[in-house]
Structure formats: C-alpha cells, structure tokens
Amino acid sequence: MSDTFDTSLPPFDCLTAIQQQQLREALDVAYYRHGETLIEAGHDSESLLIIIKGSVEERAEDGQEVFAHYTADDLLDVRACWSRLVATAIPP
C-alpha cells in the first residue's frame, strides 16, 4: 500500500515530498469484517482511518442515529474520537 497510496488527494496534497514519503512509510493496512467496530464510543483513537474499500457507518452509541457513511478515499470523521459515536464496518 505504501507505494500505491494516492497523496494527490486532499489533505495529503499539501505535504512536501519528504512528508509524503514519511506518511507512506508509516501506513498500515487493516481489514475489517461486516459488523466489526473500528472505533469504540468514548475511546481515544491514535490513528487516522482512510477507507480504501468498503463502507463504514458512524452511529450514536445507542445505535439509533446514523451520523455519517464513509466509502473509498474518505477519511473517517474524527468526531468519534471526542464524542459518544461508534464507527462500524457495513456492507457496501
């Protein structure tokens, strides 16, 4: 993934070539199954999540309200890091 990550997309296009290379070297790929939670409500996240394939849904902790849907090339909304939101993988 490090060589194929598209740094021409915002906000990564604002980085210098050196910063883009540092980013590529620091990237990790993770795979999640349908229904698997990516971010638990109220827990700190030390990562920026970028959706490569599939879909993710951001919901209220009680699961009753959907706040956002994310798909390929989306940056997972960091609101979940500071609030009572849950991010879960969903079918495309």
N, C-alpha and C. Protein backbone atom coordinates (compact mmCIF):
# COMPACT_ATOMS: atom_id res chain seq x y z
N MET A 1 0.82 -1.19 0.00
CA MET A 1 0.00 0.00 0.00
C MET A 1 0.86 1.24 0.00
N SER A 2 2.00 1.21 0.64
CA SER A 2 2.79 2.42 0.79
C SER A 2 3.15 3.05 -0.55
N ASP A 3 3.42 2.24 -1.57
CA ASP A 3 3.78 2.79 -2.87
C ASP A 3 2.56 3.22 -3.68
N THR A 4 1.40 2.69 -3.35
CA THR A 4 0.22 2.99 -4.14
C THR A 4 -0.71 4.00 -3.48
N PHE A 5 -0.40 4.45 -2.28
CA PHE A 5 -1.25 5.43 -1.60
C PHE A 5 -1.24 6.73 -2.38
N ASP A 6 -2.42 7.26 -2.69
CA ASP A 6 -2.56 8.44 -3.53
C ASP A 6 -2.43 9.72 -2.70
N THR A 7 -1.26 10.31 -2.72
CA THR A 7 -1.03 11.55 -1.97
C THR A 7 -1.47 12.78 -2.74
N SER A 8 -2.07 12.61 -3.91
CA SER A 8 -2.57 13.76 -4.66
C SER A 8 -3.95 14.21 -4.15
N LEU A 9 -4.56 13.38 -3.28
CA LEU A 9 -5.86 13.73 -2.72
C LEU A 9 -5.69 14.63 -1.50
N PRO A 10 -6.60 15.61 -1.32
CA PRO A 10 -6.54 16.45 -0.12
C PRO A 10 -6.78 15.60 1.12
N PRO A 11 -6.20 15.88 2.22
CA PRO A 11 -5.27 16.97 2.53
C PRO A 11 -3.81 16.61 2.26
N PHE A 12 -3.57 15.41 1.75
CA PHE A 12 -2.20 14.92 1.60
C PHE A 12 -1.43 15.63 0.49
N ASP A 13 -2.16 16.28 -0.42
CA ASP A 13 -1.51 17.01 -1.50
C ASP A 13 -0.79 18.26 -1.00
N CYS A 14 -1.06 18.68 0.23
CA CYS A 14 -0.39 19.86 0.81
C CYS A 14 0.95 19.50 1.45
N LEU A 15 1.24 18.23 1.57
CA LEU A 15 2.50 17.80 2.17
C LEU A 15 3.66 17.94 1.19
N THR A 16 4.85 18.15 1.74
CA THR A 16 6.05 18.16 0.90
C THR A 16 6.34 16.73 0.46
N ALA A 17 7.22 16.58 -0.52
CA ALA A 17 7.59 15.24 -0.99
C ALA A 17 8.18 14.41 0.15
N ILE A 18 8.96 15.03 1.00
CA ILE A 18 9.56 14.31 2.14
C ILE A 18 8.46 13.88 3.11
N GLN A 19 7.52 14.76 3.40
CA GLN A 19 6.42 14.41 4.31
C GLN A 19 5.54 13.30 3.72
N GLN A 20 5.31 13.36 2.41
CA GLN A 20 4.53 12.31 1.76
C GLN A 20 5.23 10.96 1.87
N GLN A 21 6.54 10.95 1.72
CA GLN A 21 7.30 9.71 1.85
C GLN A 21 7.24 9.19 3.29
N GLN A 22 7.35 10.10 4.27
CA GLN A 22 7.24 9.69 5.68
C GLN A 22 5.87 9.09 5.95
N LEU A 23 4.84 9.68 5.37
CA LEU A 23 3.49 9.16 5.52
C LEU A 23 3.39 7.75 4.94
N ARG A 24 3.88 7.56 3.73
CA ARG A 24 3.84 6.23 3.10
C ARG A 24 4.55 5.18 3.95
N GLU A 25 5.67 5.56 4.55
CA GLU A 25 6.43 4.62 5.37
C GLU A 25 5.72 4.27 6.67
N ALA A 26 4.82 5.14 7.12
CA ALA A 26 4.13 4.93 8.40
C ALA A 26 2.77 4.25 8.24
N LEU A 27 2.31 4.04 7.01
CA LEU A 27 0.98 3.48 6.78
C LEU A 27 0.90 2.00 7.13
N ASP A 28 -0.24 1.62 7.67
CA ASP A 28 -0.58 0.22 7.91
C ASP A 28 -1.95 -0.03 7.31
N VAL A 29 -2.15 -1.22 6.80
CA VAL A 29 -3.45 -1.61 6.25
C VAL A 29 -4.12 -2.56 7.24
N ALA A 30 -5.40 -2.31 7.50
CA ALA A 30 -6.18 -3.19 8.38
C ALA A 30 -7.45 -3.59 7.63
N TYR A 31 -7.90 -4.79 7.88
CA TYR A 31 -9.11 -5.31 7.25
C TYR A 31 -10.16 -5.54 8.33
N TYR A 32 -11.40 -5.13 8.03
CA TYR A 32 -12.50 -5.28 8.98
C TYR A 32 -13.65 -6.01 8.30
N ARG A 33 -14.31 -6.86 9.05
CA ARG A 33 -15.47 -7.60 8.55
C ARG A 33 -16.74 -6.81 8.83
N HIS A 34 -17.78 -7.13 8.08
CA HIS A 34 -19.08 -6.51 8.28
C HIS A 34 -19.48 -6.63 9.75
N GLY A 35 -19.88 -5.53 10.35
CA GLY A 35 -20.32 -5.52 11.74
C GLY A 35 -19.21 -5.29 12.75
N GLU A 36 -17.97 -5.35 12.32
CA GLU A 36 -16.85 -5.16 13.23
C GLU A 36 -16.68 -3.67 13.55
N THR A 37 -16.47 -3.36 14.82
CA THR A 37 -16.32 -1.98 15.25
C THR A 37 -14.88 -1.51 15.05
N LEU A 38 -14.74 -0.36 14.40
CA LEU A 38 -13.43 0.23 14.15
C LEU A 38 -13.03 1.17 15.27
N ILE A 39 -14.01 1.95 15.75
CA ILE A 39 -13.78 2.90 16.84
C ILE A 39 -14.89 2.70 17.85
N GLU A 40 -14.53 2.44 19.09
CA GLU A 40 -15.50 2.30 20.17
C GLU A 40 -15.89 3.69 20.69
N ALA A 41 -17.14 3.85 21.06
CA ALA A 41 -17.61 5.12 21.59
C ALA A 41 -16.81 5.51 22.83
N GLY A 42 -16.36 6.76 22.85
CA GLY A 42 -15.67 7.28 24.01
C GLY A 42 -14.21 6.89 24.13
N HIS A 43 -13.69 6.07 23.22
CA HIS A 43 -12.29 5.67 23.27
C HIS A 43 -11.45 6.56 22.37
N ASP A 44 -10.25 6.85 22.81
CA ASP A 44 -9.33 7.65 22.00
C ASP A 44 -8.83 6.82 20.83
N SER A 45 -8.64 7.49 19.70
CA SER A 45 -8.06 6.84 18.53
C SER A 45 -6.74 7.52 18.22
N GLU A 46 -5.70 6.73 18.06
CA GLU A 46 -4.39 7.28 17.74
C GLU A 46 -4.11 7.20 16.25
N SER A 47 -5.12 6.85 15.47
CA SER A 47 -4.93 6.65 14.04
C SER A 47 -5.93 7.47 13.24
N LEU A 48 -5.52 7.85 12.05
CA LEU A 48 -6.42 8.42 11.07
C LEU A 48 -6.82 7.27 10.17
N LEU A 49 -8.11 7.03 10.03
CA LEU A 49 -8.59 5.92 9.21
C LEU A 49 -8.97 6.43 7.83
N ILE A 50 -8.44 5.80 6.81
CA ILE A 50 -8.74 6.13 5.42
C ILE A 50 -9.39 4.90 4.81
N ILE A 51 -10.59 5.06 4.30
CA ILE A 51 -11.31 3.93 3.72
C ILE A 51 -10.76 3.65 2.32
N ILE A 52 -10.25 2.45 2.11
CA ILE A 52 -9.73 2.06 0.80
C ILE A 52 -10.82 1.36 0.00
N LYS A 53 -11.55 0.48 0.68
CA LYS A 53 -12.57 -0.33 0.02
C LYS A 53 -13.65 -0.64 1.04
N GLY A 54 -14.89 -0.67 0.61
CA GLY A 54 -15.99 -0.98 1.52
C GLY A 54 -16.64 0.28 2.06
N SER A 55 -17.41 0.12 3.12
CA SER A 55 -18.17 1.21 3.71
C SER A 55 -18.10 1.15 5.22
N VAL A 56 -18.18 2.31 5.84
CA VAL A 56 -18.19 2.42 7.30
C VAL A 56 -19.32 3.36 7.67
N GLU A 57 -19.98 3.05 8.76
CA GLU A 57 -21.09 3.84 9.25
C GLU A 57 -20.73 4.39 10.62
N GLU A 58 -21.03 5.66 10.84
CA GLU A 58 -20.80 6.28 12.15
C GLU A 58 -22.16 6.50 12.80
N ARG A 59 -22.33 5.93 13.99
CA ARG A 59 -23.63 5.96 14.68
C ARG A 59 -23.48 6.50 16.09
N ALA A 60 -24.61 6.90 16.65
CA ALA A 60 -24.67 7.24 18.07
C ALA A 60 -24.37 5.97 18.86
N GLU A 61 -23.91 6.14 20.08
CA GLU A 61 -23.54 4.98 20.90
C GLU A 61 -24.68 3.99 21.05
N ASP A 62 -25.92 4.48 21.12
CA ASP A 62 -27.06 3.58 21.28
C ASP A 62 -27.48 2.93 19.95
N GLY A 63 -26.83 3.32 18.84
CA GLY A 63 -27.10 2.73 17.55
C GLY A 63 -28.34 3.23 16.85
N GLN A 64 -29.05 4.16 17.47
CA GLN A 64 -30.33 4.61 16.93
C GLN A 64 -30.20 5.67 15.83
N GLU A 65 -29.13 6.45 15.85
CA GLU A 65 -28.99 7.53 14.88
C GLU A 65 -27.70 7.36 14.08
N VAL A 66 -27.81 7.43 12.75
CA VAL A 66 -26.65 7.37 11.87
C VAL A 66 -26.21 8.79 11.57
N PHE A 67 -24.94 9.08 11.82
CA PHE A 67 -24.41 10.42 11.57
C PHE A 67 -23.71 10.54 10.23
N ALA A 68 -23.09 9.47 9.76
CA ALA A 68 -22.33 9.56 8.51
C ALA A 68 -22.08 8.17 7.94
N HIS A 69 -21.90 8.14 6.61
CA HIS A 69 -21.47 6.94 5.89
C HIS A 69 -20.18 7.31 5.17
N TYR A 70 -19.22 6.41 5.18
CA TYR A 70 -17.93 6.64 4.53
C TYR A 70 -17.66 5.51 3.54
N THR A 71 -17.05 5.87 2.41
CA THR A 71 -16.67 4.88 1.41
C THR A 71 -15.25 5.18 0.93
N ALA A 72 -14.84 4.57 -0.17
CA ALA A 72 -13.46 4.67 -0.67
C ALA A 72 -12.95 6.11 -0.72
N ASP A 73 -11.73 6.28 -0.25
CA ASP A 73 -11.00 7.55 -0.20
C ASP A 73 -11.50 8.53 0.85
N ASP A 74 -12.49 8.14 1.65
CA ASP A 74 -12.95 9.02 2.73
C ASP A 74 -12.04 8.88 3.94
N LEU A 75 -11.87 9.98 4.64
CA LEU A 75 -11.17 9.98 5.93
C LEU A 75 -12.24 9.81 6.99
N LEU A 76 -12.06 8.85 7.85
CA LEU A 76 -13.06 8.60 8.87
C LEU A 76 -13.12 9.80 9.79
N ASP A 77 -14.32 10.31 9.98
CA ASP A 77 -14.54 11.52 10.77
C ASP A 77 -13.99 11.36 12.18
N VAL A 78 -13.18 12.29 12.57
CA VAL A 78 -12.54 12.22 13.88
C VAL A 78 -13.47 12.63 15.01
N ARG A 79 -14.72 12.98 14.70
CA ARG A 79 -15.67 13.29 15.78
C ARG A 79 -15.81 12.11 16.74
N ALA A 80 -15.67 10.92 16.21
CA ALA A 80 -15.82 9.72 17.03
C ALA A 80 -14.77 9.66 18.13
N CYS A 81 -13.67 10.35 17.95
CA CYS A 81 -12.61 10.34 18.96
C CYS A 81 -12.99 11.16 20.18
N TRP A 82 -13.87 12.13 20.01
CA TRP A 82 -14.18 13.05 21.11
C TRP A 82 -15.61 12.97 21.57
N SER A 83 -16.37 12.07 21.04
CA SER A 83 -17.78 12.01 21.40
C SER A 83 -18.20 10.56 21.63
N ARG A 84 -19.46 10.37 21.79
CA ARG A 84 -20.00 9.04 22.07
C ARG A 84 -20.49 8.38 20.79
N LEU A 85 -19.67 8.41 19.73
CA LEU A 85 -20.03 7.81 18.46
C LEU A 85 -19.30 6.49 18.27
N VAL A 86 -19.88 5.61 17.48
CA VAL A 86 -19.30 4.31 17.17
C VAL A 86 -19.15 4.21 15.66
N ALA A 87 -17.99 3.75 15.19
CA ALA A 87 -17.77 3.52 13.75
C ALA A 87 -17.72 2.02 13.51
N THR A 88 -18.56 1.54 12.58
CA THR A 88 -18.70 0.11 12.32
C THR A 88 -18.68 -0.16 10.82
N ALA A 89 -18.00 -1.23 10.41
CA ALA A 89 -17.98 -1.64 9.01
C ALA A 89 -19.37 -2.13 8.62
N ILE A 90 -19.82 -1.75 7.41
CA ILE A 90 -21.14 -2.14 6.92
C ILE A 90 -21.01 -2.71 5.52
N PRO A 91 -22.02 -3.43 5.02
CA PRO A 91 -21.94 -3.95 3.66
C PRO A 91 -21.97 -2.80 2.66
N PRO A 92 -21.26 -2.93 1.53
CA PRO A 92 -21.23 -1.85 0.53
C PRO A 92 -22.58 -1.62 -0.11
